[in-house]
Each structure stands twice: as C-alpha cells, then as structure tokens.
C-alpha cells in the first residue's frame, strides 16, 4: 500500500499533446529561427506518436530530465531536424535549453 502513494497514473493523451506542444514551442523560441506553423504541427504529431509509443519508459523516468532529453535526442531529434531543415546539433541544444535536461 505504501508504494501506491508514490505512483501517479499515466498521463492522458491531452496532457501528452500539450506537453509536447509546449516543449516544441520553447525549442523554436530558442532556435531563434522562424518555423512555419504547419511544420511545427507536423513535428508535434511526430513527437506525440513517439511519446505514446514509449509511454511506459517515459513515465518511469519522468523525474529524470537528462534521461528524457537523451531519449529525445536519440528517438525524435533527427526527424524533426530534417522536417524543419535545421542543424541537428543546434536543435538538440535548443531542446535541452528549453526542456532543462
């Protein structure tokens, strides 16, 4: 029973979408480059799909921002960099600055 007190339920699809959208918004701000809204929406869809696909791992590591940022670098950043036509390392740096990992 003691363990139940410290576990939280998995996030809802709505909260996942909002969190992904906020993280990408902050990333774009730190890139200091205009990214058209349709491309941001495509990146958000991609990011949400990847998060939902790895939800158990992400929920398990929710308090470890560095591990989550490393996961983002490995599984999401390359596709978004290609979609947005930006330098991969610049995108990774901007995401980490925005995300806090």
PDB file of N, CA and C in Angstrom:
ATOM      1  N   UNK A   1       0.814  -1.192   0.000  1.00  0.00           N
ATOM      2  CA  UNK A   1       0.000   0.000   0.000  1.00  0.00           C
ATOM      3  C   UNK A   1       0.864   1.265   0.000  1.00  0.00           C
ATOM      4  N   UNK A   2       2.006   1.188   0.645  1.00  0.00           N
ATOM      5  CA  UNK A   2       2.890   2.341   0.694  1.00  0.00           C
ATOM      6  C   UNK A   2       3.340   2.760  -0.707  1.00  0.00           C
ATOM      7  N   UNK A   3       3.574   1.807  -1.604  1.00  0.00           N
ATOM      8  CA  UNK A   3       4.014   2.112  -2.965  1.00  0.00           C
ATOM      9  C   UNK A   3       2.954   2.871  -3.749  1.00  0.00           C
ATOM     10  N   UNK A   4       1.693   2.561  -3.539  1.00  0.00           N
ATOM     11  CA  UNK A   4       0.620   3.226  -4.281  1.00  0.00           C
ATOM     12  C   UNK A   4       0.621   4.731  -4.051  1.00  0.00           C
ATOM     13  N   UNK A   5       1.029   5.138  -2.869  1.00  0.00           N
ATOM     14  CA  UNK A   5       1.047   6.552  -2.522  1.00  0.00           C
ATOM     15  C   UNK A   5       1.996   7.343  -3.427  1.00  0.00           C
ATOM     16  N   UNK A   6       3.064   6.704  -3.883  1.00  0.00           N
ATOM     17  CA  UNK A   6       4.079   7.410  -4.657  1.00  0.00           C
ATOM     18  C   UNK A   6       4.006   7.163  -6.158  1.00  0.00           C
ATOM     19  N   UNK A   7       3.021   6.446  -6.597  1.00  0.00           N
ATOM     20  CA  UNK A   7       2.874   6.245  -8.037  1.00  0.00           C
ATOM     21  C   UNK A   7       1.790   7.173  -8.548  1.00  0.00           C
ATOM     22  N   UNK A   8       1.985   7.654  -9.731  1.00  0.00           N
ATOM     23  CA  UNK A   8       0.970   8.504 -10.333  1.00  0.00           C
ATOM     24  C   UNK A   8       0.482   7.838 -11.612  1.00  0.00           C
ATOM     25  N   UNK A   9      -0.734   8.137 -11.997  1.00  0.00           N
ATOM     26  CA  UNK A   9      -1.272   7.499 -13.206  1.00  0.00           C
ATOM     27  C   UNK A   9      -0.546   7.995 -14.452  1.00  0.00           C
ATOM     28  N   UNK A  10      -0.642   7.216 -15.508  1.00  0.00           N
ATOM     29  CA  UNK A  10      -0.056   7.631 -16.785  1.00  0.00           C
ATOM     30  C   UNK A  10      -0.767   8.892 -17.276  1.00  0.00           C
ATOM     31  N   UNK A  11      -0.057   9.766 -17.959  1.00  0.00           N
ATOM     32  CA  UNK A  11      -0.691  10.986 -18.464  1.00  0.00           C
ATOM     33  C   UNK A  11      -1.725  10.683 -19.545  1.00  0.00           C
ATOM     34  N   UNK A  12      -2.686  11.559 -19.647  1.00  0.00           N
ATOM     35  CA  UNK A  12      -3.724  11.408 -20.668  1.00  0.00           C
ATOM     36  C   UNK A  12      -3.182  11.865 -22.021  1.00  0.00           C
ATOM     37  N   UNK A  13      -3.792  11.428 -23.123  1.00  0.00           N
ATOM     38  CA  UNK A  13      -3.340  11.890 -24.448  1.00  0.00           C
ATOM     39  C   UNK A  13      -3.368  13.415 -24.571  1.00  0.00           C
ATOM     40  N   UNK A  14      -4.356  14.044 -23.948  1.00  0.00           N
ATOM     41  CA  UNK A  14      -4.437  15.507 -23.998  1.00  0.00           C
ATOM     42  C   UNK A  14      -3.237  16.142 -23.301  1.00  0.00           C
ATOM     43  N   UNK A  15      -2.887  15.634 -22.130  1.00  0.00           N
ATOM     44  CA  UNK A  15      -1.746  16.217 -21.408  1.00  0.00           C
ATOM     45  C   UNK A  15      -0.431  15.934 -22.138  1.00  0.00           C
ATOM     46  N   UNK A  16      -0.336  14.796 -22.790  1.00  0.00           N
ATOM     47  CA  UNK A  16       0.862  14.486 -23.585  1.00  0.00           C
ATOM     48  C   UNK A  16       0.980  15.478 -24.741  1.00  0.00           C
ATOM     49  N   UNK A  17      -0.122  15.692 -25.446  1.00  0.00           N
ATOM     50  CA  UNK A  17      -0.117  16.616 -26.584  1.00  0.00           C
ATOM     51  C   UNK A  17       0.258  18.032 -26.134  1.00  0.00           C
ATOM     52  N   UNK A  18      -0.301  18.456 -25.018  1.00  0.00           N
ATOM     53  CA  UNK A  18       0.003  19.806 -24.510  1.00  0.00           C
ATOM     54  C   UNK A  18       1.464  19.931 -24.118  1.00  0.00           C
ATOM     55  N   UNK A  19       1.993  18.925 -23.433  1.00  0.00           N
ATOM     56  CA  UNK A  19       3.391  18.968 -23.004  1.00  0.00           C
ATOM     57  C   UNK A  19       4.326  18.984 -24.222  1.00  0.00           C
ATOM     58  N   UNK A  20       4.047  18.134 -25.198  1.00  0.00           N
ATOM     59  CA  UNK A  20       4.876  18.092 -26.408  1.00  0.00           C
ATOM     60  C   UNK A  20       4.819  19.430 -27.139  1.00  0.00           C
ATOM     61  N   UNK A  21       3.632  19.992 -27.253  1.00  0.00           N
ATOM     62  CA  UNK A  21       3.474  21.290 -27.910  1.00  0.00           C
ATOM     63  C   UNK A  21       4.248  22.386 -27.201  1.00  0.00           C
ATOM     64  N   UNK A  22       4.172  22.400 -25.871  1.00  0.00           N
ATOM     65  CA  UNK A  22       4.904  23.413 -25.102  1.00  0.00           C
ATOM     66  C   UNK A  22       6.411  23.249 -25.254  1.00  0.00           C
ATOM     67  N   UNK A  23       6.877  22.020 -25.219  1.00  0.00           N
ATOM     68  CA  UNK A  23       8.317  21.780 -25.359  1.00  0.00           C
ATOM     69  C   UNK A  23       8.818  22.210 -26.728  1.00  0.00           C
ATOM     70  N   UNK A  24       8.055  21.911 -27.775  1.00  0.00           N
ATOM     71  CA  UNK A  24       8.479  22.321 -29.117  1.00  0.00           C
ATOM     72  C   UNK A  24       8.399  23.840 -29.279  1.00  0.00           C
ATOM     73  N   UNK A  25       7.384  24.468 -28.684  1.00  0.00           N
ATOM     74  CA  UNK A  25       7.262  25.928 -28.741  1.00  0.00           C
ATOM     75  C   UNK A  25       8.496  26.576 -28.116  1.00  0.00           C
ATOM     76  N   UNK A  26       8.896  26.099 -26.941  1.00  0.00           N
ATOM     77  CA  UNK A  26      10.077  26.645 -26.265  1.00  0.00           C
ATOM     78  C   UNK A  26      11.349  26.375 -27.075  1.00  0.00           C
ATOM     79  N   UNK A  27      11.397  25.224 -27.723  1.00  0.00           N
ATOM     80  CA  UNK A  27      12.558  24.890 -28.552  1.00  0.00           C
ATOM     81  C   UNK A  27      12.670  25.844 -29.734  1.00  0.00           C
ATOM     82  N   UNK A  28      11.552  26.102 -30.401  1.00  0.00           N
ATOM     83  CA  UNK A  28      11.551  27.024 -31.544  1.00  0.00           C
ATOM     84  C   UNK A  28      12.004  28.410 -31.095  1.00  0.00           C
ATOM     85  N   UNK A  29      11.543  28.859 -29.931  1.00  0.00           N
ATOM     86  CA  UNK A  29      11.949  30.173 -29.423  1.00  0.00           C
ATOM     87  C   UNK A  29      13.461  30.237 -29.243  1.00  0.00           C
ATOM     88  N   UNK A  30      14.054  29.154 -28.749  1.00  0.00           N
ATOM     89  CA  UNK A  30      15.496  29.148 -28.511  1.00  0.00           C
ATOM     90  C   UNK A  30      16.303  28.958 -29.798  1.00  0.00           C
ATOM     91  N   UNK A  31      15.674  28.413 -30.824  1.00  0.00           N
ATOM     92  CA  UNK A  31      16.352  28.311 -32.120  1.00  0.00           C
ATOM     93  C   UNK A  31      16.546  29.687 -32.750  1.00  0.00           C
ATOM     94  N   UNK A  32      15.653  30.621 -32.405  1.00  0.00           N
ATOM     95  CA  UNK A  32      15.671  31.976 -32.974  1.00  0.00           C
ATOM     96  C   UNK A  32      15.626  31.923 -34.491  1.00  0.00           C
ATOM     97  N   UNK A  33      14.735  31.072 -34.980  1.00  0.00           N
ATOM     98  CA  UNK A  33      14.546  30.896 -36.425  1.00  0.00           C
ATOM     99  C   UNK A  33      13.060  30.645 -36.643  1.00  0.00           C
ATOM    100  N   UNK A  34      12.507  31.240 -37.676  1.00  0.00           N
ATOM    101  CA  UNK A  34      11.087  31.035 -37.954  1.00  0.00           C
ATOM    102  C   UNK A  34      10.842  29.629 -38.499  1.00  0.00           C
ATOM    103  N   UNK A  35       9.936  28.934 -37.852  1.00  0.00           N
ATOM    104  CA  UNK A  35       9.499  27.620 -38.328  1.00  0.00           C
ATOM    105  C   UNK A  35       8.008  27.772 -38.644  1.00  0.00           C
ATOM    106  N   UNK A  36       7.585  27.522 -39.886  1.00  0.00           N
ATOM    107  CA  UNK A  36       6.170  27.685 -40.244  1.00  0.00           C
ATOM    108  C   UNK A  36       5.257  26.810 -39.376  1.00  0.00           C
ATOM    109  N   UNK A  37       4.101  27.342 -39.061  1.00  0.00           N
ATOM    110  CA  UNK A  37       3.138  26.655 -38.183  1.00  0.00           C
ATOM    111  C   UNK A  37       2.795  25.236 -38.650  1.00  0.00           C
ATOM    112  N   UNK A  38       2.592  24.997 -39.967  1.00  0.00           N
ATOM    113  CA  UNK A  38       2.291  23.625 -40.389  1.00  0.00           C
ATOM    114  C   UNK A  38       3.424  22.638 -40.073  1.00  0.00           C
ATOM    115  N   UNK A  39       4.666  23.098 -40.146  1.00  0.00           N
ATOM    116  CA  UNK A  39       5.797  22.223 -39.821  1.00  0.00           C
ATOM    117  C   UNK A  39       5.885  21.965 -38.318  1.00  0.00           C
ATOM    118  N   UNK A  40       5.542  22.973 -37.526  1.00  0.00           N
ATOM    119  CA  UNK A  40       5.512  22.780 -36.070  1.00  0.00           C
ATOM    120  C   UNK A  40       4.422  21.770 -35.723  1.00  0.00           C
ATOM    121  N   UNK A  41       3.269  21.863 -36.381  1.00  0.00           N
ATOM    122  CA  UNK A  41       2.174  20.915 -36.133  1.00  0.00           C
ATOM    123  C   UNK A  41       2.580  19.494 -36.524  1.00  0.00           C
ATOM    124  N   UNK A  42       3.281  19.339 -37.653  1.00  0.00           N
ATOM    125  CA  UNK A  42       3.757  18.017 -38.069  1.00  0.00           C
ATOM    126  C   UNK A  42       4.746  17.457 -37.050  1.00  0.00           C
ATOM    127  N   UNK A  43       5.644  18.312 -36.563  1.00  0.00           N
ATOM    128  CA  UNK A  43       6.629  17.874 -35.578  1.00  0.00           C
ATOM    129  C   UNK A  43       5.942  17.472 -34.282  1.00  0.00           C
ATOM    130  N   UNK A  44       4.904  18.207 -33.909  1.00  0.00           N
ATOM    131  CA  UNK A  44       4.159  17.869 -32.692  1.00  0.00           C
ATOM    132  C   UNK A  44       3.488  16.509 -32.827  1.00  0.00           C
ATOM    133  N   UNK A  45       2.889  16.236 -33.979  1.00  0.00           N
ATOM    134  CA  UNK A  45       2.266  14.923 -34.218  1.00  0.00           C
ATOM    135  C   UNK A  45       3.299  13.805 -34.117  1.00  0.00           C
ATOM    136  N   UNK A  46       4.450  14.015 -34.737  1.00  0.00           N
ATOM    137  CA  UNK A  46       5.527  13.033 -34.688  1.00  0.00           C
ATOM    138  C   UNK A  46       5.976  12.800 -33.251  1.00  0.00           C
ATOM    139  N   UNK A  47       6.189  13.873 -32.521  1.00  0.00           N
ATOM    140  CA  UNK A  47       6.655  13.802 -31.142  1.00  0.00           C
ATOM    141  C   UNK A  47       5.627  13.085 -30.260  1.00  0.00           C
ATOM    142  N   UNK A  48       4.356  13.414 -30.414  1.00  0.00           N
ATOM    143  CA  UNK A  48       3.296  12.783 -29.618  1.00  0.00           C
ATOM    144  C   UNK A  48       3.252  11.282 -29.906  1.00  0.00           C
ATOM    145  N   UNK A  49       3.338  10.894 -31.177  1.00  0.00           N
ATOM    146  CA  UNK A  49       3.324   9.465 -31.519  1.00  0.00           C
ATOM    147  C   UNK A  49       4.478   8.720 -30.867  1.00  0.00           C
ATOM    148  N   UNK A  50       5.659   9.329 -30.899  1.00  0.00           N
ATOM    149  CA  UNK A  50       6.833   8.688 -30.300  1.00  0.00           C
ATOM    150  C   UNK A  50       6.689   8.581 -28.777  1.00  0.00           C
ATOM    151  N   UNK A  51       6.156   9.618 -28.156  1.00  0.00           N
ATOM    152  CA  UNK A  51       5.961   9.586 -26.696  1.00  0.00           C
ATOM    153  C   UNK A  51       4.954   8.506 -26.331  1.00  0.00           C
ATOM    154  N   UNK A  52       3.846   8.436 -27.022  1.00  0.00           N
ATOM    155  CA  UNK A  52       2.829   7.425 -26.719  1.00  0.00           C
ATOM    156  C   UNK A  52       3.393   6.024 -26.949  1.00  0.00           C
ATOM    157  N   UNK A  53       4.224   5.862 -27.962  1.00  0.00           N
ATOM    158  CA  UNK A  53       4.840   4.574 -28.227  1.00  0.00           C
ATOM    159  C   UNK A  53       5.809   4.125 -27.145  1.00  0.00           C
ATOM    160  N   UNK A  54       6.373   5.063 -26.420  1.00  0.00           N
ATOM    161  CA  UNK A  54       7.332   4.755 -25.353  1.00  0.00           C
ATOM    162  C   UNK A  54       6.834   5.245 -23.992  1.00  0.00           C
ATOM    163  N   UNK A  55       5.521   5.294 -23.831  1.00  0.00           N
ATOM    164  CA  UNK A  55       4.921   5.917 -22.652  1.00  0.00           C
ATOM    165  C   UNK A  55       5.358   5.282 -21.338  1.00  0.00           C
ATOM    166  N   UNK A  56       5.440   3.975 -21.288  1.00  0.00           N
ATOM    167  CA  UNK A  56       5.807   3.326 -20.027  1.00  0.00           C
ATOM    168  C   UNK A  56       7.220   3.720 -19.598  1.00  0.00           C
ATOM    169  N   UNK A  57       8.171   3.722 -20.525  1.00  0.00           N
ATOM    170  CA  UNK A  57       9.531   4.110 -20.201  1.00  0.00           C
ATOM    171  C   UNK A  57       9.578   5.576 -19.781  1.00  0.00           C
ATOM    172  N   UNK A  58       8.882   6.430 -20.524  1.00  0.00           N
ATOM    173  CA  UNK A  58       8.886   7.865 -20.224  1.00  0.00           C
ATOM    174  C   UNK A  58       8.263   8.137 -18.857  1.00  0.00           C
ATOM    175  N   UNK A  59       7.155   7.469 -18.557  1.00  0.00           N
ATOM    176  CA  UNK A  59       6.517   7.651 -17.256  1.00  0.00           C
ATOM    177  C   UNK A  59       7.421   7.163 -16.131  1.00  0.00           C
ATOM    178  N   UNK A  60       8.142   6.097 -16.380  1.00  0.00           N
ATOM    179  CA  UNK A  60       9.050   5.540 -15.380  1.00  0.00           C
ATOM    180  C   UNK A  60      10.198   6.505 -15.070  1.00  0.00           C
ATOM    181  N   UNK A  61      10.633   7.275 -16.069  1.00  0.00           N
ATOM    182  CA  UNK A  61      11.759   8.195 -15.917  1.00  0.00           C
ATOM    183  C   UNK A  61      11.320   9.656 -15.852  1.00  0.00           C
ATOM    184  N   UNK A  62      10.081   9.897 -15.498  1.00  0.00           N
ATOM    185  CA  UNK A  62       9.539  11.264 -15.551  1.00  0.00           C
ATOM    186  C   UNK A  62      10.313  12.269 -14.712  1.00  0.00           C
ATOM    187  N   UNK A  63      10.980  11.832 -13.670  1.00  0.00           N
ATOM    188  CA  UNK A  63      11.703  12.769 -12.817  1.00  0.00           C
ATOM    189  C   UNK A  63      13.165  12.941 -13.237  1.00  0.00           C
ATOM    190  N   UNK A  64      13.595  12.265 -14.284  1.00  0.00           N
ATOM    191  CA  UNK A  64      14.973  12.354 -14.753  1.00  0.00           C
ATOM    192  C   UNK A  64      15.013  13.104 -16.091  1.00  0.00           C
ATOM    193  N   UNK A  65      15.123  14.426 -16.009  1.00  0.00           N
ATOM    194  CA  UNK A  65      15.091  15.253 -17.216  1.00  0.00           C
ATOM    195  C   UNK A  65      16.232  14.925 -18.178  1.00  0.00           C
ATOM    196  N   UNK A  66      17.403  14.591 -17.629  1.00  0.00           N
ATOM    197  CA  UNK A  66      18.537  14.274 -18.501  1.00  0.00           C
ATOM    198  C   UNK A  66      18.246  13.017 -19.323  1.00  0.00           C
ATOM    199  N   UNK A  67      17.704  11.983 -18.685  1.00  0.00           N
ATOM    200  CA  UNK A  67      17.386  10.748 -19.412  1.00  0.00           C
ATOM    201  C   UNK A  67      16.311  11.007 -20.467  1.00  0.00           C
ATOM    202  N   UNK A  68      15.328  11.837 -20.138  1.00  0.00           N
ATOM    203  CA  UNK A  68      14.275  12.156 -21.108  1.00  0.00           C
ATOM    204  C   UNK A  68      14.839  12.952 -22.285  1.00  0.00           C
ATOM    205  N   UNK A  69      15.733  13.888 -22.003  1.00  0.00           N
ATOM    206  CA  UNK A  69      16.357  14.665 -23.080  1.00  0.00           C
ATOM    207  C   UNK A  69      17.247  13.767 -23.942  1.00  0.00           C
ATOM    208  N   UNK A  70      17.937  12.822 -23.315  1.00  0.00           N
ATOM    209  CA  UNK A  70      18.743  11.861 -24.078  1.00  0.00           C
ATOM    210  C   UNK A  70      17.847  11.015 -24.983  1.00  0.00           C
ATOM    211  N   UNK A  71      16.695  10.593 -24.457  1.00  0.00           N
ATOM    212  CA  UNK A  71      15.732   9.819 -25.258  1.00  0.00           C
ATOM    213  C   UNK A  71      15.276  10.656 -26.450  1.00  0.00           C
ATOM    214  N   UNK A  72      14.980  11.932 -26.228  1.00  0.00           N
ATOM    215  CA  UNK A  72      14.526  12.819 -27.295  1.00  0.00           C
ATOM    216  C   UNK A  72      15.607  12.945 -28.369  1.00  0.00           C
ATOM    217  N   UNK A  73      16.856  13.115 -27.918  1.00  0.00           N
ATOM    218  CA  UNK A  73      17.978  13.203 -28.872  1.00  0.00           C
ATOM    219  C   UNK A  73      18.044  11.960 -29.754  1.00  0.00           C
ATOM    220  N   UNK A  74      17.882  10.815 -29.141  1.00  0.00           N
ATOM    221  CA  UNK A  74      18.044   9.546 -29.852  1.00  0.00           C
ATOM    222  C   UNK A  74      16.859   9.194 -30.748  1.00  0.00           C
ATOM    223  N   UNK A  75      15.638   9.476 -30.299  1.00  0.00           N
ATOM    224  CA  UNK A  75      14.456   8.975 -30.997  1.00  0.00           C
ATOM    225  C   UNK A  75      13.660  10.017 -31.786  1.00  0.00           C
ATOM    226  N   UNK A  76      13.827  11.298 -31.483  1.00  0.00           N
ATOM    227  CA  UNK A  76      12.946  12.304 -32.087  1.00  0.00           C
ATOM    228  C   UNK A  76      13.708  13.378 -32.864  1.00  0.00           C
ATOM    229  N   UNK A  77      14.848  13.790 -32.366  1.00  0.00           N
ATOM    230  CA  UNK A  77      15.513  14.990 -32.887  1.00  0.00           C
ATOM    231  C   UNK A  77      15.872  14.923 -34.370  1.00  0.00           C
ATOM    232  N   UNK A  78      16.351  13.786 -34.843  1.00  0.00           N
ATOM    233  CA  UNK A  78      16.776  13.702 -36.247  1.00  0.00           C
ATOM    234  C   UNK A  78      15.619  13.958 -37.207  1.00  0.00           C
ATOM    235  N   UNK A  79      14.472  13.363 -36.915  1.00  0.00           N
ATOM    236  CA  UNK A  79      13.328  13.536 -37.815  1.00  0.00           C
ATOM    237  C   UNK A  79      12.822  14.970 -37.806  1.00  0.00           C
ATOM    238  N   UNK A  80      12.826  15.601 -36.641  1.00  0.00           N
ATOM    239  CA  UNK A  80      12.373  16.995 -36.574  1.00  0.00           C
ATOM    240  C   UNK A  80      13.383  17.913 -37.254  1.00  0.00           C
ATOM    241  N   UNK A  81      14.672  17.642 -37.091  1.00  0.00           N
ATOM    242  CA  UNK A  81      15.698  18.462 -37.754  1.00  0.00           C
ATOM    243  C   UNK A  81      15.538  18.398 -39.275  1.00  0.00           C
ATOM    244  N   UNK A  82      15.250  17.211 -39.792  1.00  0.00           N
ATOM    245  CA  UNK A  82      15.023  17.078 -41.239  1.00  0.00           C
ATOM    246  C   UNK A  82      13.749  17.800 -41.660  1.00  0.00           C
ATOM    247  N   UNK A  83      12.696  17.643 -40.867  1.00  0.00           N
ATOM    248  CA  UNK A  83      11.417  18.282 -41.182  1.00  0.00           C
ATOM    249  C   UNK A  83      11.547  19.799 -41.199  1.00  0.00           C
ATOM    250  N   UNK A  84      12.238  20.338 -40.221  1.00  0.00           N
ATOM    251  CA  UNK A  84      12.385  21.784 -40.096  1.00  0.00           C
ATOM    252  C   UNK A  84      13.573  22.334 -40.878  1.00  0.00           C
ATOM    253  N   UNK A  85      14.407  21.445 -41.422  1.00  0.00           N
ATOM    254  CA  UNK A  85      15.590  21.850 -42.170  1.00  0.00           C
ATOM    255  C   UNK A  85      16.522  22.730 -41.322  1.00  0.00           C
ATOM    256  N   UNK A  86      16.824  22.227 -40.117  1.00  0.00           N
ATOM    257  CA  UNK A  86      17.737  22.930 -39.217  1.00  0.00           C
ATOM    258  C   UNK A  86      18.884  21.987 -38.851  1.00  0.00           C
ATOM    259  N   UNK A  87      19.958  22.565 -38.369  1.00  0.00           N
ATOM    260  CA  UNK A  87      21.113  21.782 -37.933  1.00  0.00           C
ATOM    261  C   UNK A  87      20.732  20.930 -36.723  1.00  0.00           C
ATOM    262  N   UNK A  88      21.076  19.663 -36.772  1.00  0.00           N
ATOM    263  CA  UNK A  88      20.700  18.716 -35.722  1.00  0.00           C
ATOM    264  C   UNK A  88      21.266  19.119 -34.366  1.00  0.00           C
ATOM    265  N   UNK A  89      22.524  19.491 -34.314  1.00  0.00           N
ATOM    266  CA  UNK A  89      23.138  19.849 -33.023  1.00  0.00           C
ATOM    267  C   UNK A  89      22.527  21.125 -32.453  1.00  0.00           C
ATOM    268  N   UNK A  90      22.202  22.062 -33.314  1.00  0.00           N
ATOM    269  CA  UNK A  90      21.534  23.294 -32.856  1.00  0.00           C
ATOM    270  C   UNK A  90      20.169  22.974 -32.268  1.00  0.00           C
ATOM    271  N   UNK A  91      19.439  22.081 -32.932  1.00  0.00           N
ATOM    272  CA  UNK A  91      18.119  21.680 -32.452  1.00  0.00           C
ATOM    273  C   UNK A  91      18.235  20.971 -31.110  1.00  0.00           C
ATOM    274  N   UNK A  92      19.180  20.065 -30.992  1.00  0.00           N
ATOM    275  CA  UNK A  92      19.369  19.341 -29.727  1.00  0.00           C
ATOM    276  C   UNK A  92      19.719  20.302 -28.595  1.00  0.00           C
ATOM    277  N   UNK A  93      20.591  21.260 -28.873  1.00  0.00           N
ATOM    278  CA  UNK A  93      20.976  22.244 -27.861  1.00  0.00           C
ATOM    279  C   UNK A  93      19.771  23.083 -27.451  1.00  0.00           C
ATOM    280  N   UNK A  94      18.988  23.526 -28.428  1.00  0.00           N
ATOM    281  CA  UNK A  94      17.806  24.341 -28.131  1.00  0.00           C
ATOM    282  C   UNK A  94      16.790  23.551 -27.318  1.00  0.00           C
ATOM    283  N   UNK A  95      16.603  22.277 -27.650  1.00  0.00           N
ATOM    284  CA  UNK A  95      15.654  21.461 -26.898  1.00  0.00           C
ATOM    285  C   UNK A  95      16.108  21.302 -25.454  1.00  0.00           C
ATOM    286  N   UNK A  96      17.379  20.996 -25.264  1.00  0.00           N
ATOM    287  CA  UNK A  96      17.886  20.805 -23.887  1.00  0.00           C
ATOM    288  C   UNK A  96      17.763  22.094 -23.087  1.00  0.00           C
ATOM    289  N   UNK A  97      18.022  23.224 -23.729  1.00  0.00           N
ATOM    290  CA  UNK A  97      17.890  24.509 -23.036  1.00  0.00           C
ATOM    291  C   UNK A  97      16.440  24.770 -22.653  1.00  0.00           C
ATOM    292  N   UNK A  98      15.525  24.381 -23.519  1.00  0.00           N
ATOM    293  CA  UNK A  98      14.093  24.590 -23.253  1.00  0.00           C
ATOM    294  C   UNK A  98      13.549  23.583 -22.257  1.00  0.00           C
ATOM    295  N   UNK A  99      14.029  22.361 -22.322  1.00  0.00           N
ATOM    296  CA  UNK A  99      13.484  21.254 -21.530  1.00  0.00           C
ATOM    297  C   UNK A  99      14.127  21.167 -20.147  1.00  0.00           C
ATOM    298  N   UNK A 100      15.358  21.615 -20.051  1.00  0.00           N
ATOM    299  CA  UNK A 100      16.045  21.553 -18.762  1.00  0.00           C
ATOM    300  C   UNK A 100      16.771  20.250 -18.541  1.00  0.00           C
ATOM    301  N   UNK A 101      17.227  19.595 -19.614  1.00  0.00           N
ATOM    302  CA  UNK A 101      17.934  18.324 -19.457  1.00  0.00           C
ATOM    303  C   UNK A 101      19.329  18.481 -19.865  1.00  0.00           C
TER     304      UNK A 101
END
